[in-house]
Structures are given as structure tokens and as C-alpha cells.
Amino acid sequence: MNRIIEKYLPRTDFTSYEDFMENYRVNVPEHFNFGYDVVDEWAAEEPDKLALKWCNDTFQIKKYTFGDAKRLSNRAANVFLKAGIKKGDVVMVILKQRPEVWWCITALCKIGAVCIPATFQLTKKDIVYRCNLASVKMIVAVDEDDVVRHIKSSENECKTLQTVALTGDRIENGWLSFRKEMDSASDELERLDNLSADPMLIYFSSGTSGMPKMVLHDHTLALGHIVTANYWQHVRNNAVHMTQTDSGWAKFAWGKIYGQWICGAAIGAYDTDGFSPSLMLKAIETIRPTTFCAPATIYRYLIKEDLSGTDFSFIKHASVAGEPLNPEVYYQIKQKTGLAIHEGFGQSEGSVLLANFGWDEVKPGSMG
């Protein structure tokens, strides 16, 4: 177990689910901040430790260390501060799986602003609704045509929106170039104080009826995902964990930042323009994660591919969440790859609630 986890867990090893349920506890500091107490802590302790292993559809790898994560999130924080974002202000990020999403989420955490991760699939109606309900002050987005078009058509109806910034090379009149602002920003950031109970993150959950509802998380969400990452996904210190999801969904918080970095794992990120089973296989082989998690739909597509020449021996643990996993899919993955898929269930409101944690044998079609 790594030293960072041991700061927050009085006990880390458990012999059974019953033992875990009875004795798992988290020590929550009064002023916990994921940006300073996890990202910057790793940077101070092991600056060259791998934090992010990223590729897109060209499959050229980019690697970032925790030293990079501290430096780039500090720069992003200074960009937000320069733009007038302060503690309690709300910023929406529509960044797919660009590396900037990690720097922005960490930066907003550091300065005490509230982040709304949003999917690139939002239309004008969705953007206006979210901006006005949450009093969004700034949007940072990818520079793709559809995203830019929907934000432009929304601007005049978003009552509190003051600033829009784009990542990438595109320049729009009146909008910031986030890349240029980052290039000129300082690497230094003085720690800004916060309480663990201060607001940190908002997800919009579709629920079962009506318009999407806001789900507000405070800074303790990151510590809650120790269960998700360490005890369900079985991520490993100094290994790569890959959860395939867009940054706009709560599954990103589950599998691509908080618990994984607390556990000392690097994030494996495949920033794709559109899902393709064959490209997904190539991305997995390129990133070579030790632990892997995906929605059941991805597994259903993967078993339709020719896996005869695919070596997944580098994956030591596989998990699934977001939708029920058909037993037939489980058996086919097990037969073709040798991997037993561990199912988990939760909601946007929290971390994993019910799961096949590994103390008991997986029963296909059931979980927990």
C-alpha cells in the first residue's frame, strides 16, 4: 500500500467482504484538497512518477508525470484566476479526453472553484439549461465545430456566462485561447485554503423523469473513490489503469482521476473521435493497462471482434459498470481472454455502492 492511502485509511487490508464492511474507515482532514494533497504530494515525493498515458486515434503516446501534473494544473489555475474565477465560482468543461481536462479539474479544485464536467454531446438547449441553473461563469471547451457552434448559439441566453475559452489551435473573436494562456501562465501557485465540505464538483444526472438534476459533491468525493479504485478496480501503484469514458460522465470521476491517482496509478486515456471496436482493441494494446474498466456495451462489441491474435495478458483485473453485464458476455470474455469481469454499481451521487470486490468468486449475472 502507498503512503498517501495510508494517510487516510487507518486500516488497508481486509480478509472478507464482511470484514471490509465492518471495519473500513476513512480519516477525512478538515482541509483536504485533492489538488494539493494528492497531485502535488506525489509531485513532491516522486516528480517523475507516471500520471497520465494518453493517445488519440493516431496512437501516438504522450506521457505526463506528476511533476507535469502539478506544473500544468498550477498554470491552468492561474489562467482561471486571471479570467476572474474565484472560490465558489462555477466553470463548465467540455474537453472529451484531452489532457487539459485533468489539468482543469485539478486546477479548479485547487482554487476552490466548482467544476461541471460536461459531455461534448450537449446541444444549445442543454448548455443554456446547465449554465442558468448552476450560474456558470466560464466554459472551457474543445475547438470542434459542433461544440463551438452550440456554445456560440447559447451565449446570449446564458445569463451568468462571462468567459469562453477553447483548447487547440482555433481562435474565435472574444474567446480566450486556453493553450496560449497556459503557455504564458506561471507554474507557481500559493495554496488557497478550503474546507473538505466546500463544493468541488457538479454532475448533471438525467434521473428518471424531467430535466437533468444537479448532483453536488464536496472535496471528500476524491477520498470516497478509494473504494472504487483500490478495492473494486484493484488499481496498482506505478501501473496504468484504463477506464473508457468521456470526461463529461460521472464514470470519469470513478475511473480516470481521483481514486486512481490517490492509489498511485497512472491514467490510461484513449481520446477517440468515435467508438470503433477495432480501434478500441488497438488502443488497449497501445496503452497496455494493468487494470481495465468499461461499460458493458464495449465488452459486447469486443467479443464480436477476432480476438484470436490479441494478447491481453498485461491486464490483471477487469471491471464493468454503467449497465448490467449479460452472463453470456462474461463467459465469452472469460473464454477468449481469461479475464473474469468484476461488476460494480453506483450512481452519480457517490462512489461504488455494490460490487464484486474479489473476496468472493464472481457469479455471472449477479454482483455484490
Protein backbone atom coordinates (compact mmCIF):
# COMPACT_ATOMS: atom_id res chain seq x y z
CA MET A 1 0.00 0.00 0.00
CA ASN A 2 1.30 3.50 -0.75
CA ARG A 3 1.93 6.22 1.80
CA ILE A 4 -0.80 8.55 0.50
CA ILE A 5 -3.55 5.98 1.02
CA GLU A 6 -2.17 5.17 4.45
CA LYS A 7 -2.62 8.84 5.43
CA TYR A 8 -6.38 8.43 5.05
CA LEU A 9 -7.07 4.77 5.91
CA PRO A 10 -6.33 3.55 9.45
CA ARG A 11 -6.55 0.01 8.06
CA THR A 12 -5.97 -1.04 4.45
CA ASP A 13 -6.14 -4.87 4.27
CA PHE A 14 -9.29 -6.93 4.74
CA THR A 15 -9.89 -10.68 4.67
CA SER A 16 -13.53 -10.76 3.51
CA TYR A 17 -16.39 -8.55 2.44
CA GLU A 18 -17.83 -8.80 5.94
CA ASP A 19 -14.52 -7.65 7.41
CA PHE A 20 -14.38 -4.78 4.90
CA MET A 21 -17.97 -3.70 5.58
CA GLU A 22 -17.44 -3.74 9.33
CA ASN A 23 -14.01 -2.12 9.54
CA TYR A 24 -13.37 0.12 6.52
CA ARG A 25 -12.96 3.73 7.61
CA VAL A 26 -11.60 6.94 6.07
CA ASN A 27 -9.90 9.73 8.01
CA VAL A 28 -11.06 12.96 6.39
CA PRO A 29 -8.87 16.01 7.14
CA GLU A 30 -10.69 19.28 7.76
CA HIS A 31 -8.91 20.98 4.84
CA PHE A 32 -8.45 18.15 2.35
CA ASN A 33 -7.84 19.25 -1.25
CA PHE A 34 -7.18 16.65 -3.92
CA GLY A 35 -5.05 19.02 -5.99
CA TYR A 36 -2.61 19.87 -3.24
CA ASP A 37 -2.82 16.77 -1.04
CA VAL A 38 -2.65 14.15 -3.79
CA VAL A 39 -1.36 15.57 -7.09
CA ASP A 40 1.18 17.96 -5.56
CA GLU A 41 2.07 15.43 -2.87
CA TRP A 42 3.04 12.86 -5.49
CA ALA A 43 4.93 15.58 -7.37
CA ALA A 44 6.94 16.38 -4.24
CA GLU A 45 7.60 12.74 -3.40
CA GLU A 46 8.11 11.27 -6.89
CA PRO A 47 8.10 14.01 -9.55
CA ASP A 48 8.96 11.56 -12.35
CA LYS A 49 6.16 9.13 -11.43
CA LEU A 50 3.85 8.49 -14.41
CA ALA A 51 0.45 10.19 -14.02
CA LEU A 52 -1.14 10.09 -17.50
CA LYS A 53 -0.52 7.92 -20.57
CA TRP A 54 -2.55 9.42 -23.42
CA CYS A 55 -3.23 8.56 -27.04
CA ASN A 56 -5.74 9.50 -29.72
CA ASP A 57 -6.80 7.82 -32.97
CA THR A 58 -3.27 8.20 -34.40
CA PHE A 59 -1.99 6.07 -31.47
CA GLN A 60 0.97 8.28 -30.71
CA ILE A 61 1.58 8.16 -26.98
CA LYS A 62 2.02 11.22 -24.78
CA LYS A 63 3.19 10.72 -21.21
CA TYR A 64 2.85 13.13 -18.29
CA THR A 65 4.41 12.76 -14.84
CA PHE A 66 3.05 14.01 -11.53
CA GLY A 67 5.63 16.76 -11.79
CA ASP A 68 3.96 17.73 -15.07
CA ALA A 69 0.51 17.43 -13.47
CA LYS A 70 1.45 19.86 -10.70
CA ARG A 71 3.04 22.34 -13.10
CA LEU A 72 0.25 22.24 -15.69
CA SER A 73 -2.59 22.36 -13.15
CA ASN A 74 -0.89 25.36 -11.50
CA ARG A 75 -0.73 27.07 -14.89
CA ALA A 76 -4.41 26.28 -15.52
CA ALA A 77 -5.27 27.61 -12.06
CA ASN A 78 -3.51 30.87 -12.85
CA VAL A 79 -5.39 31.10 -16.16
CA PHE A 80 -8.69 30.75 -14.28
CA LEU A 81 -7.65 33.31 -11.66
CA LYS A 82 -6.63 35.77 -14.40
CA ALA A 83 -10.06 35.26 -16.00
CA GLY A 84 -11.70 36.30 -12.73
CA ILE A 85 -12.65 32.84 -11.46
CA LYS A 86 -12.58 32.72 -7.68
CA LYS A 87 -13.62 30.38 -4.88
CA GLY A 88 -17.21 29.21 -5.33
CA ASP A 89 -17.47 30.24 -8.99
CA VAL A 90 -18.75 27.58 -11.41
CA VAL A 91 -16.86 26.53 -14.55
CA MET A 92 -18.10 24.05 -17.18
CA VAL A 93 -15.51 21.97 -19.03
CA ILE A 94 -16.35 20.22 -22.32
CA LEU A 95 -12.98 18.62 -23.03
CA LYS A 96 -13.58 14.99 -24.07
CA GLN A 97 -10.34 13.22 -23.08
CA ARG A 98 -7.90 15.98 -23.96
CA PRO A 99 -5.02 16.16 -21.46
CA GLU A 100 -6.33 19.61 -20.47
CA VAL A 101 -9.31 18.02 -18.72
CA TRP A 102 -7.01 16.66 -15.99
CA TRP A 103 -5.23 19.99 -15.56
CA CYS A 104 -8.51 21.94 -15.47
CA ILE A 105 -10.32 19.70 -12.99
CA THR A 106 -7.27 19.70 -10.70
CA ALA A 107 -6.80 23.47 -11.09
CA LEU A 108 -10.40 24.30 -10.26
CA CYS A 109 -10.13 22.06 -7.20
CA LYS A 110 -7.00 23.93 -6.10
CA ILE A 111 -8.60 27.38 -6.31
CA GLY A 112 -11.88 26.29 -4.74
CA ALA A 113 -14.00 26.80 -7.86
CA VAL A 114 -16.74 24.34 -8.76
CA CYS A 115 -16.29 22.24 -11.91
CA ILE A 116 -19.08 20.90 -14.12
CA PRO A 117 -17.65 18.22 -16.44
CA ALA A 118 -19.93 18.08 -19.47
CA THR A 119 -20.21 15.82 -22.48
CA PHE A 120 -19.44 17.05 -25.99
CA GLN A 121 -22.93 15.84 -26.98
CA LEU A 122 -24.65 18.83 -25.35
CA THR A 123 -26.76 20.99 -27.65
CA LYS A 124 -27.79 24.63 -27.23
CA LYS A 125 -30.78 23.73 -25.06
CA ASP A 126 -28.60 21.62 -22.75
CA ILE A 127 -25.90 24.28 -22.40
CA VAL A 128 -28.37 27.10 -21.66
CA TYR A 129 -30.19 24.94 -19.10
CA ARG A 130 -26.99 23.98 -17.25
CA CYS A 131 -25.46 27.45 -17.36
CA ASN A 132 -28.53 29.18 -15.96
CA LEU A 133 -29.37 26.56 -13.34
CA ALA A 134 -25.79 26.37 -12.00
CA SER A 135 -24.81 30.03 -12.61
CA VAL A 136 -21.89 29.03 -14.81
CA LYS A 137 -19.33 31.83 -15.13
CA MET A 138 -16.89 30.28 -17.63
CA ILE A 139 -16.77 27.47 -20.21
CA VAL A 140 -13.60 25.71 -21.37
CA ALA A 141 -14.19 23.51 -24.42
CA VAL A 142 -12.56 21.61 -27.26
CA ASP A 143 -12.33 23.56 -30.51
CA GLU A 144 -14.50 21.16 -32.53
CA ASP A 145 -17.12 22.54 -34.92
CA ASP A 146 -20.25 21.14 -33.27
CA VAL A 147 -19.18 22.12 -29.76
CA VAL A 148 -18.23 25.65 -30.84
CA ARG A 149 -21.49 26.06 -32.75
CA HIS A 150 -23.65 25.05 -29.79
CA ILE A 151 -21.77 27.30 -27.36
CA LYS A 152 -21.99 30.26 -29.76
CA SER A 153 -25.74 29.83 -30.16
CA SER A 154 -26.11 29.61 -26.36
CA GLU A 155 -24.02 32.60 -25.23
CA ASN A 156 -26.69 35.30 -25.29
CA GLU A 157 -29.12 33.18 -23.27
CA CYS A 158 -26.60 32.15 -20.57
CA LYS A 159 -27.21 34.88 -18.00
CA THR A 160 -24.08 34.46 -15.85
CA LEU A 161 -21.59 33.33 -18.51
CA GLN A 162 -18.68 35.78 -18.79
CA THR A 163 -15.83 33.89 -20.47
CA VAL A 164 -15.40 31.11 -23.04
CA ALA A 165 -12.01 29.53 -23.73
CA LEU A 166 -11.07 26.94 -26.36
CA THR A 167 -8.30 24.37 -26.29
CA GLY A 168 -6.50 23.64 -29.55
CA ASP A 169 -5.50 25.99 -32.35
CA ARG A 170 -8.83 27.57 -33.21
CA ILE A 171 -9.26 31.29 -32.48
CA GLU A 172 -12.71 32.83 -32.01
CA ASN A 173 -13.30 36.57 -31.58
CA GLY A 174 -13.99 37.44 -27.96
CA TRP A 175 -12.97 34.00 -26.68
CA LEU A 176 -9.73 33.02 -24.97
CA SER A 177 -7.18 30.62 -26.37
CA PHE A 178 -6.66 28.34 -23.37
CA ARG A 179 -3.44 26.98 -24.87
CA LYS A 180 -1.92 30.46 -25.31
CA GLU A 181 -3.00 31.48 -21.83
CA MET A 182 -1.44 28.30 -20.41
CA ASP A 183 1.82 28.94 -22.28
CA SER A 184 2.27 32.33 -20.60
CA ALA A 185 0.93 31.42 -17.14
CA SER A 186 3.09 30.93 -14.07
CA ASP A 187 3.99 27.46 -12.74
CA GLU A 188 3.74 28.79 -9.18
CA LEU A 189 0.54 28.76 -7.13
CA GLU A 190 0.15 29.61 -3.47
CA ARG A 191 -2.14 27.17 -1.66
CA LEU A 192 -5.63 28.56 -1.25
CA ASP A 193 -7.42 27.34 1.86
CA ASN A 194 -10.63 25.34 1.72
CA LEU A 195 -12.74 23.07 3.88
CA SER A 196 -13.31 19.45 2.89
CA ALA A 197 -17.03 20.20 2.96
CA ASP A 198 -16.73 23.04 0.40
CA PRO A 199 -18.37 22.38 -3.01
CA MET A 200 -16.00 20.97 -5.65
CA LEU A 201 -17.87 19.24 -8.48
CA ILE A 202 -21.32 19.15 -10.07
CA TYR A 203 -22.64 16.42 -12.33
CA PHE A 204 -25.96 16.66 -14.10
CA SER A 205 -27.76 13.36 -13.63
CA SER A 206 -30.55 12.51 -16.05
CA GLY A 207 -32.52 10.66 -13.39
CA THR A 208 -35.76 9.01 -14.42
CA SER A 209 -38.01 11.98 -15.22
CA GLY A 210 -37.91 15.63 -16.19
CA MET A 211 -34.80 17.69 -16.84
CA PRO A 212 -31.38 16.60 -15.53
CA LYS A 213 -30.76 17.23 -11.83
CA MET A 214 -27.63 18.74 -10.31
CA VAL A 215 -25.54 16.42 -8.14
CA LEU A 216 -23.18 18.47 -5.96
CA HIS A 217 -20.02 16.92 -4.48
CA ASP A 218 -17.63 18.37 -1.94
CA HIS A 219 -13.89 17.68 -1.72
CA THR A 220 -14.41 14.37 0.10
CA LEU A 221 -15.61 12.76 -3.15
CA ALA A 222 -11.98 12.07 -4.06
CA LEU A 223 -11.42 10.11 -0.84
CA GLY A 224 -14.68 8.22 -1.38
CA HIS A 225 -13.27 6.83 -4.61
CA ILE A 226 -10.51 4.95 -2.77
CA VAL A 227 -13.12 2.18 -2.51
CA THR A 228 -13.82 2.40 -6.24
CA ALA A 229 -10.19 2.31 -7.35
CA ASN A 230 -8.41 0.22 -4.74
CA TYR A 231 -10.98 -2.33 -3.66
CA TRP A 232 -13.14 -2.76 -6.77
CA GLN A 233 -10.95 -1.88 -9.78
CA HIS A 234 -7.82 -3.21 -8.00
CA VAL A 235 -5.63 -0.47 -9.47
CA ARG A 236 -1.94 -0.75 -8.63
CA ASN A 237 0.70 1.74 -7.61
CA ASN A 238 3.05 2.51 -10.53
CA ALA A 239 0.79 0.69 -13.02
CA VAL A 240 -1.66 2.01 -15.64
CA HIS A 241 -5.42 1.93 -15.15
CA MET A 242 -7.72 2.49 -18.13
CA THR A 243 -11.43 3.29 -17.84
CA GLN A 244 -13.01 4.09 -21.19
CA THR A 245 -15.42 7.01 -20.85
CA ASP A 246 -15.86 10.61 -21.93
CA SER A 247 -14.89 13.19 -19.32
CA GLY A 248 -18.46 14.50 -19.22
CA TRP A 249 -19.82 11.44 -17.42
CA ALA A 250 -19.57 10.58 -13.72
CA LYS A 251 -17.70 7.43 -14.73
CA PHE A 252 -14.74 9.76 -15.32
CA ALA A 253 -14.67 10.64 -11.61
CA TRP A 254 -14.97 6.94 -10.87
CA GLY A 255 -12.22 5.70 -13.13
CA LYS A 256 -9.98 8.40 -14.53
CA ILE A 257 -8.73 10.74 -11.82
CA TYR A 258 -9.49 10.68 -8.09
CA GLY A 259 -9.13 7.18 -6.66
CA GLN A 260 -6.61 6.14 -9.29
CA TRP A 261 -4.19 8.99 -8.54
CA ILE A 262 -4.65 8.53 -4.78
CA CYS A 263 -3.61 4.90 -5.31
CA GLY A 264 -0.52 5.98 -7.28
CA ALA A 265 -1.73 4.56 -10.60
CA ALA A 266 -1.29 6.30 -13.94
CA ILE A 267 -4.38 7.05 -16.02
CA GLY A 268 -4.59 5.43 -19.45
CA ALA A 269 -6.58 7.70 -21.76
CA TYR A 270 -7.84 6.98 -25.27
CA ASP A 271 -9.16 10.25 -26.72
CA THR A 272 -11.17 8.93 -29.65
CA ASP A 273 -13.32 10.83 -32.16
CA GLY A 274 -15.84 7.99 -32.25
CA PHE A 275 -16.16 4.44 -30.92
CA SER A 276 -14.83 1.63 -33.09
CA PRO A 277 -14.27 -1.88 -31.64
CA SER A 278 -11.16 -2.49 -33.74
CA LEU A 279 -9.66 0.87 -32.78
CA MET A 280 -10.58 0.23 -29.15
CA LEU A 281 -8.59 -3.01 -29.26
CA LYS A 282 -5.64 -1.17 -30.76
CA ALA A 283 -5.88 1.50 -28.08
CA ILE A 284 -5.84 -1.12 -25.32
CA GLU A 285 -2.79 -2.77 -26.88
CA THR A 286 -1.12 0.64 -27.24
CA ILE A 287 -1.78 1.80 -23.66
CA ARG A 288 -1.28 -1.68 -22.13
CA PRO A 289 -3.19 -1.10 -18.88
CA THR A 290 -2.71 -3.38 -15.90
CA THR A 291 -6.33 -2.82 -14.88
CA PHE A 292 -9.24 -2.06 -17.21
CA CYS A 293 -12.84 -0.89 -16.80
CA ALA A 294 -15.53 -0.17 -19.39
CA PRO A 295 -19.31 -0.14 -19.83
CA ALA A 296 -20.90 -3.45 -20.78
CA THR A 297 -21.57 -2.17 -24.32
CA ILE A 298 -17.83 -2.01 -25.03
CA TYR A 299 -17.36 -5.60 -23.89
CA ARG A 300 -20.30 -6.66 -26.08
CA TYR A 301 -18.63 -5.11 -29.12
CA LEU A 302 -15.20 -6.51 -28.28
CA ILE A 303 -16.36 -10.13 -28.21
CA LYS A 304 -17.61 -9.71 -31.80
CA GLU A 305 -14.06 -8.92 -32.92
CA ASP A 306 -11.46 -11.53 -33.81
CA LEU A 307 -9.53 -11.80 -30.54
CA SER A 308 -7.51 -14.86 -31.58
CA GLY A 309 -4.34 -12.85 -32.12
CA THR A 310 -4.89 -10.48 -29.21
CA ASP A 311 -2.73 -10.80 -26.11
CA PHE A 312 -4.38 -9.26 -23.06
CA SER A 313 -2.00 -10.88 -20.59
CA PHE A 314 -0.89 -7.43 -19.40
CA ILE A 315 -4.41 -6.87 -17.97
CA LYS A 316 -4.56 -8.36 -14.48
CA HIS A 317 -8.06 -7.20 -13.47
CA ALA A 318 -11.17 -6.20 -15.44
CA SER A 319 -14.33 -4.48 -14.25
CA VAL A 320 -17.59 -3.14 -15.66
CA ALA A 321 -20.20 -0.57 -14.60
CA GLY A 322 -22.83 1.70 -16.10
CA GLU A 323 -25.23 -1.01 -17.26
CA PRO A 324 -25.90 -4.69 -16.47
CA LEU A 325 -23.48 -7.26 -17.88
CA ASN A 326 -25.13 -10.20 -19.63
CA PRO A 327 -23.74 -13.53 -18.34
CA GLU A 328 -23.07 -14.65 -21.94
CA VAL A 329 -20.75 -11.66 -22.43
CA TYR A 330 -18.97 -12.54 -19.19
CA TYR A 331 -18.42 -16.14 -20.29
CA GLN A 332 -17.19 -15.14 -23.75
CA ILE A 333 -14.68 -12.63 -22.36
CA LYS A 334 -13.51 -15.23 -19.86
CA GLN A 335 -13.10 -17.84 -22.60
CA LYS A 336 -11.32 -15.53 -25.06
CA THR A 337 -9.10 -13.57 -22.66
CA GLY A 338 -9.07 -15.45 -19.36
CA LEU A 339 -10.36 -12.35 -17.57
CA ALA A 340 -13.16 -12.51 -15.01
CA ILE A 341 -15.10 -9.24 -15.19
CA HIS A 342 -15.99 -7.72 -11.81
CA GLU A 343 -19.26 -5.84 -11.96
CA GLY A 344 -19.95 -2.69 -9.96
CA PHE A 345 -22.94 -0.44 -9.36
CA GLY A 346 -23.26 3.12 -8.17
CA GLN A 347 -24.74 6.49 -9.02
CA SER A 348 -23.58 9.99 -9.92
CA GLU A 349 -24.25 10.80 -6.25
CA GLY A 350 -21.38 8.73 -4.87
CA SER A 351 -18.68 6.14 -5.34
CA VAL A 352 -19.22 2.43 -5.96
CA LEU A 353 -22.08 1.16 -3.79
CA LEU A 354 -22.28 -2.52 -4.64
CA ALA A 355 -19.70 -4.63 -6.44
CA ASN A 356 -17.86 -7.88 -6.96
CA PHE A 357 -14.85 -6.79 -4.93
CA GLY A 358 -12.90 -10.01 -5.28
CA TRP A 359 -13.17 -11.63 -1.87
CA ASP A 360 -15.82 -13.98 -3.28
CA GLU A 361 -15.96 -15.73 -6.64
CA VAL A 362 -17.84 -13.87 -9.38
CA LYS A 363 -21.32 -15.22 -10.06
CA PRO A 364 -22.18 -14.13 -13.65
CA GLY A 365 -25.43 -12.19 -13.79
CA SER A 366 -25.09 -11.08 -10.17
CA MET A 367 -23.00 -8.56 -8.28
CA GLY A 368 -22.09 -7.86 -4.70
